Amino acid sequence: MQIKREAVCGTLQSNDCLVRIVPSEKLELDLKSSVLNEFGAQIKKTVQEVLDEFEVKNAKLFIEDKGALDCTIKARVETALRRANEE
């Protein structure tokens, strides 16, 4: 999937995450989380699974997590990717 424009999905409320995607030369992830020490590796793995599923190679993701579950993170990243691919 080609990232064509900036896109945002989510909120900064408790148990949610805000995902912002912008076009980039390479794949980058900037993760901020209130539970980074405990679940940072799992959050990164979840995000990478979605990126692999959509074959994303050229995006910078900014994720601010407020304790979101994996299913919420997946949904937010997927929605942001779809929005970033729209014309």
N, C-alpha and C. Protein backbone atom coordinates (compact mmCIF):
# COMPACT_ATOMS: atom_id res chain seq x y z
N MET A 1 0.84 -1.18 0.00
CA MET A 1 0.00 0.00 0.00
C MET A 1 0.89 1.24 0.00
N GLN A 2 0.54 2.19 -0.83
CA GLN A 2 1.26 3.45 -0.93
C GLN A 2 0.59 4.49 -0.04
N ILE A 3 1.36 5.14 0.82
CA ILE A 3 0.83 6.20 1.67
C ILE A 3 0.87 7.49 0.86
N LYS A 4 -0.31 8.03 0.56
CA LYS A 4 -0.41 9.18 -0.33
C LYS A 4 -0.51 10.51 0.40
N ARG A 5 -1.04 10.48 1.63
CA ARG A 5 -1.21 11.73 2.36
C ARG A 5 -1.25 11.46 3.85
N GLU A 6 -1.20 12.52 4.64
CA GLU A 6 -1.29 12.38 6.09
C GLU A 6 -2.70 11.97 6.48
N ALA A 7 -2.78 11.13 7.52
CA ALA A 7 -4.08 10.70 8.03
C ALA A 7 -3.99 10.49 9.53
N VAL A 8 -5.13 10.67 10.20
CA VAL A 8 -5.21 10.54 11.65
C VAL A 8 -6.42 9.70 12.01
N CYS A 9 -6.28 8.94 13.10
CA CYS A 9 -7.40 8.16 13.62
C CYS A 9 -7.20 7.98 15.11
N GLY A 10 -8.30 8.03 15.86
CA GLY A 10 -8.25 7.77 17.29
C GLY A 10 -8.38 9.02 18.14
N THR A 11 -8.23 8.82 19.45
CA THR A 11 -8.35 9.91 20.42
C THR A 11 -7.27 9.74 21.49
N LEU A 12 -7.21 10.70 22.38
CA LEU A 12 -6.28 10.63 23.50
C LEU A 12 -7.00 10.28 24.80
N GLN A 13 -8.17 9.70 24.67
CA GLN A 13 -8.91 9.27 25.86
C GLN A 13 -8.30 7.99 26.41
N SER A 14 -8.63 7.70 27.65
CA SER A 14 -8.15 6.48 28.29
C SER A 14 -8.59 5.26 27.49
N ASN A 15 -7.72 4.26 27.40
CA ASN A 15 -7.97 3.00 26.69
C ASN A 15 -8.11 3.18 25.18
N ASP A 16 -7.50 4.23 24.63
CA ASP A 16 -7.53 4.47 23.19
C ASP A 16 -6.12 4.87 22.76
N CYS A 17 -5.95 5.10 21.48
CA CYS A 17 -4.67 5.61 20.98
C CYS A 17 -4.93 6.53 19.81
N LEU A 18 -4.03 7.47 19.62
CA LEU A 18 -4.09 8.39 18.49
C LEU A 18 -2.99 7.98 17.52
N VAL A 19 -3.38 7.71 16.28
CA VAL A 19 -2.44 7.27 15.26
C VAL A 19 -2.40 8.33 14.16
N ARG A 20 -1.19 8.80 13.85
CA ARG A 20 -1.00 9.74 12.74
C ARG A 20 0.01 9.12 11.79
N ILE A 21 -0.32 9.11 10.52
CA ILE A 21 0.54 8.52 9.49
C ILE A 21 0.87 9.60 8.47
N VAL A 22 2.15 9.67 8.10
CA VAL A 22 2.59 10.60 7.07
C VAL A 22 3.47 9.83 6.08
N PRO A 23 3.49 10.27 4.82
CA PRO A 23 4.39 9.63 3.85
C PRO A 23 5.84 9.80 4.29
N SER A 24 6.66 8.82 3.96
CA SER A 24 8.08 8.85 4.33
C SER A 24 8.87 8.01 3.34
N GLU A 25 10.16 8.20 3.32
CA GLU A 25 11.04 7.41 2.46
C GLU A 25 11.17 5.98 2.95
N LYS A 26 11.02 5.79 4.26
CA LYS A 26 11.17 4.46 4.85
C LYS A 26 10.12 4.28 5.93
N LEU A 27 10.08 3.10 6.50
CA LEU A 27 9.12 2.79 7.55
C LEU A 27 9.69 3.17 8.91
N GLU A 28 8.97 4.03 9.63
CA GLU A 28 9.41 4.49 10.95
C GLU A 28 8.23 4.48 11.91
N LEU A 29 8.52 4.26 13.18
CA LEU A 29 7.50 4.26 14.22
C LEU A 29 7.96 5.10 15.40
N ASP A 30 7.16 6.10 15.74
CA ASP A 30 7.40 6.93 16.92
C ASP A 30 6.28 6.62 17.91
N LEU A 31 6.59 5.88 18.96
CA LEU A 31 5.59 5.39 19.91
C LEU A 31 5.76 6.05 21.26
N LYS A 32 4.67 6.63 21.74
CA LYS A 32 4.61 7.15 23.10
C LYS A 32 3.45 6.43 23.77
N SER A 33 3.69 5.92 24.97
CA SER A 33 2.65 5.16 25.66
C SER A 33 2.78 5.28 27.16
N SER A 34 1.63 5.32 27.82
CA SER A 34 1.62 5.34 29.28
C SER A 34 2.02 3.98 29.85
N VAL A 35 2.04 2.96 29.00
CA VAL A 35 2.40 1.60 29.44
C VAL A 35 3.57 1.06 28.60
N LEU A 36 4.44 1.96 28.15
CA LEU A 36 5.54 1.58 27.26
C LEU A 36 6.46 0.54 27.88
N ASN A 37 6.81 0.70 29.14
CA ASN A 37 7.72 -0.26 29.78
C ASN A 37 7.13 -1.65 29.85
N GLU A 38 5.85 -1.74 30.11
CA GLU A 38 5.21 -3.04 30.27
C GLU A 38 4.81 -3.68 28.93
N PHE A 39 4.29 -2.86 28.00
CA PHE A 39 3.69 -3.41 26.79
C PHE A 39 4.25 -2.85 25.49
N GLY A 40 5.35 -2.11 25.55
CA GLY A 40 5.90 -1.50 24.35
C GLY A 40 6.21 -2.49 23.25
N ALA A 41 6.82 -3.61 23.59
CA ALA A 41 7.16 -4.63 22.58
C ALA A 41 5.91 -5.21 21.94
N GLN A 42 4.87 -5.45 22.73
CA GLN A 42 3.62 -6.00 22.20
C GLN A 42 2.91 -4.98 21.29
N ILE A 43 2.94 -3.72 21.68
CA ILE A 43 2.32 -2.68 20.85
C ILE A 43 3.03 -2.61 19.50
N LYS A 44 4.36 -2.60 19.52
CA LYS A 44 5.13 -2.55 18.28
C LYS A 44 4.85 -3.77 17.41
N LYS A 45 4.74 -4.94 18.02
CA LYS A 45 4.43 -6.16 17.28
C LYS A 45 3.06 -6.06 16.62
N THR A 46 2.09 -5.56 17.35
CA THR A 46 0.73 -5.41 16.82
C THR A 46 0.71 -4.45 15.64
N VAL A 47 1.39 -3.32 15.77
CA VAL A 47 1.46 -2.35 14.68
C VAL A 47 2.15 -2.97 13.47
N GLN A 48 3.25 -3.68 13.69
CA GLN A 48 3.99 -4.29 12.58
C GLN A 48 3.14 -5.33 11.84
N GLU A 49 2.32 -6.07 12.56
CA GLU A 49 1.44 -7.05 11.93
C GLU A 49 0.49 -6.37 10.94
N VAL A 50 -0.07 -5.24 11.34
CA VAL A 50 -0.98 -4.51 10.45
C VAL A 50 -0.22 -3.95 9.25
N LEU A 51 0.96 -3.39 9.49
CA LEU A 51 1.76 -2.86 8.39
C LEU A 51 2.14 -3.95 7.41
N ASP A 52 2.49 -5.13 7.91
CA ASP A 52 2.82 -6.26 7.04
C ASP A 52 1.60 -6.71 6.24
N GLU A 53 0.46 -6.75 6.90
CA GLU A 53 -0.78 -7.18 6.22
C GLU A 53 -1.11 -6.27 5.04
N PHE A 54 -0.86 -4.97 5.19
CA PHE A 54 -1.16 -4.00 4.13
C PHE A 54 0.06 -3.71 3.25
N GLU A 55 1.17 -4.39 3.51
CA GLU A 55 2.40 -4.25 2.73
C GLU A 55 2.87 -2.79 2.67
N VAL A 56 2.89 -2.14 3.81
CA VAL A 56 3.32 -0.74 3.91
C VAL A 56 4.83 -0.70 4.08
N LYS A 57 5.49 0.10 3.24
CA LYS A 57 6.95 0.20 3.29
C LYS A 57 7.44 1.64 3.42
N ASN A 58 6.54 2.62 3.25
CA ASN A 58 6.97 4.01 3.16
C ASN A 58 6.10 4.94 4.01
N ALA A 59 6.14 4.77 5.31
CA ALA A 59 5.31 5.61 6.18
C ALA A 59 6.02 5.88 7.50
N LYS A 60 5.69 7.02 8.06
CA LYS A 60 6.11 7.31 9.43
C LYS A 60 4.85 7.35 10.27
N LEU A 61 4.83 6.54 11.31
CA LEU A 61 3.68 6.47 12.20
C LEU A 61 4.02 7.11 13.53
N PHE A 62 3.14 7.98 13.98
CA PHE A 62 3.23 8.57 15.31
C PHE A 62 2.06 8.00 16.09
N ILE A 63 2.34 7.27 17.14
CA ILE A 63 1.28 6.67 17.93
C ILE A 63 1.41 7.13 19.37
N GLU A 64 0.33 7.69 19.89
CA GLU A 64 0.26 8.06 21.30
C GLU A 64 -0.79 7.17 21.94
N ASP A 65 -0.32 6.24 22.74
CA ASP A 65 -1.18 5.21 23.33
C ASP A 65 -1.55 5.57 24.76
N LYS A 66 -2.80 5.34 25.08
CA LYS A 66 -3.30 5.58 26.44
C LYS A 66 -3.86 4.29 27.03
N GLY A 67 -3.17 3.18 26.78
CA GLY A 67 -3.59 1.90 27.34
C GLY A 67 -4.58 1.15 26.47
N ALA A 68 -4.52 1.35 25.16
CA ALA A 68 -5.45 0.69 24.24
C ALA A 68 -5.17 -0.81 24.16
N LEU A 69 -6.22 -1.58 23.98
CA LEU A 69 -6.09 -3.02 23.74
C LEU A 69 -5.56 -3.26 22.34
N ASP A 70 -5.03 -4.46 22.08
CA ASP A 70 -4.50 -4.80 20.76
C ASP A 70 -5.54 -4.59 19.66
N CYS A 71 -6.78 -4.99 19.91
CA CYS A 71 -7.82 -4.86 18.88
C CYS A 71 -8.07 -3.39 18.55
N THR A 72 -7.96 -2.52 19.53
CA THR A 72 -8.14 -1.08 19.30
C THR A 72 -6.97 -0.53 18.50
N ILE A 73 -5.77 -0.93 18.85
CA ILE A 73 -4.58 -0.48 18.13
C ILE A 73 -4.66 -0.92 16.67
N LYS A 74 -5.01 -2.17 16.44
CA LYS A 74 -5.14 -2.68 15.07
C LYS A 74 -6.16 -1.87 14.29
N ALA A 75 -7.32 -1.63 14.88
CA ALA A 75 -8.38 -0.90 14.19
C ALA A 75 -7.95 0.53 13.88
N ARG A 76 -7.29 1.18 14.81
CA ARG A 76 -6.85 2.57 14.59
C ARG A 76 -5.78 2.65 13.50
N VAL A 77 -4.82 1.74 13.53
CA VAL A 77 -3.77 1.75 12.50
C VAL A 77 -4.37 1.43 11.13
N GLU A 78 -5.23 0.44 11.06
CA GLU A 78 -5.85 0.07 9.78
C GLU A 78 -6.67 1.23 9.22
N THR A 79 -7.46 1.88 10.04
CA THR A 79 -8.27 3.00 9.57
C THR A 79 -7.40 4.15 9.09
N ALA A 80 -6.35 4.47 9.83
CA ALA A 80 -5.44 5.53 9.42
C ALA A 80 -4.76 5.19 8.09
N LEU A 81 -4.38 3.92 7.92
CA LEU A 81 -3.77 3.49 6.65
C LEU A 81 -4.74 3.67 5.49
N ARG A 82 -5.97 3.25 5.68
CA ARG A 82 -6.97 3.38 4.62
C ARG A 82 -7.21 4.86 4.28
N ARG A 83 -7.27 5.70 5.29
CA ARG A 83 -7.45 7.14 5.05
C ARG A 83 -6.25 7.73 4.32
N ALA A 84 -5.06 7.28 4.66
CA ALA A 84 -3.83 7.79 4.03
C ALA A 84 -3.70 7.36 2.58
N ASN A 85 -4.44 6.34 2.19
CA ASN A 85 -4.38 5.82 0.83
C ASN A 85 -5.46 6.42 -0.06
N GLU A 86 -6.40 7.17 0.51
CA GLU A 86 -7.47 7.77 -0.27
C GLU A 86 -6.94 8.93 -1.10
N GLU A 87 -7.59 9.16 -2.21
CA GLU A 87 -7.23 10.30 -3.07
C GLU A 87 -7.83 11.58 -2.54
